């Protein structure tokens, strides 16, 4: 999904039985990724959006 010019990919990880995310910049490079797994997909997405908000300074 796209959010404020960044791409967010939330995915399931069998390794730690939870959802993880990666945030991609405008050039398709990984700008950030989750350090831990999340029990719910929505929680991983919310955390990814917080990361993007921090990268953009909270601007649209």
Protein backbone atom coordinates (compact mmCIF):
# COMPACT_ATOMS: atom_id res chain seq x y z
CA UNK A 1 0.00 0.00 0.00
CA UNK A 2 1.13 3.56 -0.55
CA UNK A 3 1.23 6.04 2.34
CA UNK A 4 2.60 9.58 2.08
CA UNK A 5 4.80 8.66 -0.87
CA UNK A 6 6.24 5.54 0.76
CA UNK A 7 5.36 1.93 0.10
CA UNK A 8 4.35 -0.34 2.98
CA UNK A 9 4.43 -4.11 2.73
CA UNK A 10 2.98 -6.11 5.64
CA UNK A 11 3.63 -9.84 5.54
CA UNK A 12 3.38 -12.97 7.65
CA UNK A 13 6.57 -14.47 9.06
CA UNK A 14 6.56 -18.18 9.87
CA UNK A 15 9.84 -17.71 11.72
CA UNK A 16 8.27 -15.81 14.61
CA UNK A 17 4.59 -16.45 13.89
CA UNK A 18 3.56 -12.85 13.41
CA UNK A 19 3.20 -10.02 10.96
CA UNK A 20 6.18 -7.91 9.97
CA UNK A 21 6.51 -4.90 7.70
CA UNK A 22 8.91 -3.16 5.36
CA UNK A 23 8.76 0.49 4.36
CA UNK A 24 10.08 1.43 0.92
CA UNK A 25 11.15 4.91 -0.16
CA UNK A 26 10.26 6.54 -3.49
CA UNK A 27 13.17 4.73 -5.17
CA UNK A 28 12.02 1.30 -3.99
CA UNK A 29 14.77 0.90 -1.40
CA UNK A 30 13.99 -0.35 2.10
CA UNK A 31 13.80 2.67 4.38
CA UNK A 32 12.75 0.76 7.51
CA UNK A 33 11.53 -2.64 8.64
CA UNK A 34 10.00 -4.11 11.75
CA UNK A 35 12.28 -5.38 14.47
CA UNK A 36 9.60 -7.56 16.01
CA UNK A 37 6.57 -9.49 14.84
CA UNK A 38 3.03 -8.28 15.53
CA UNK A 39 0.13 -10.53 16.48
CA UNK A 40 -2.32 -8.62 14.28
CA UNK A 41 -1.79 -7.37 10.74
CA UNK A 42 -3.47 -4.06 11.63
CA UNK A 43 -0.96 -3.44 14.42
CA UNK A 44 1.96 -3.96 12.03
CA UNK A 45 0.38 -1.55 9.55
CA UNK A 46 -0.21 1.09 12.24
CA UNK A 47 3.41 0.85 13.34
CA UNK A 48 4.63 1.11 9.74
CA UNK A 49 2.55 4.28 9.30
CA UNK A 50 4.12 5.73 12.46
CA UNK A 51 7.55 5.08 10.94
CA UNK A 52 6.53 6.87 7.73
CA UNK A 53 5.13 9.77 9.75
CA UNK A 54 8.49 10.06 11.46
CA UNK A 55 10.36 9.94 8.14
CA UNK A 56 8.15 12.66 6.67
CA UNK A 57 8.06 14.79 9.79
CA UNK A 58 4.33 14.15 10.05
CA UNK A 59 3.55 15.99 6.82
CA UNK A 60 1.44 14.69 3.96
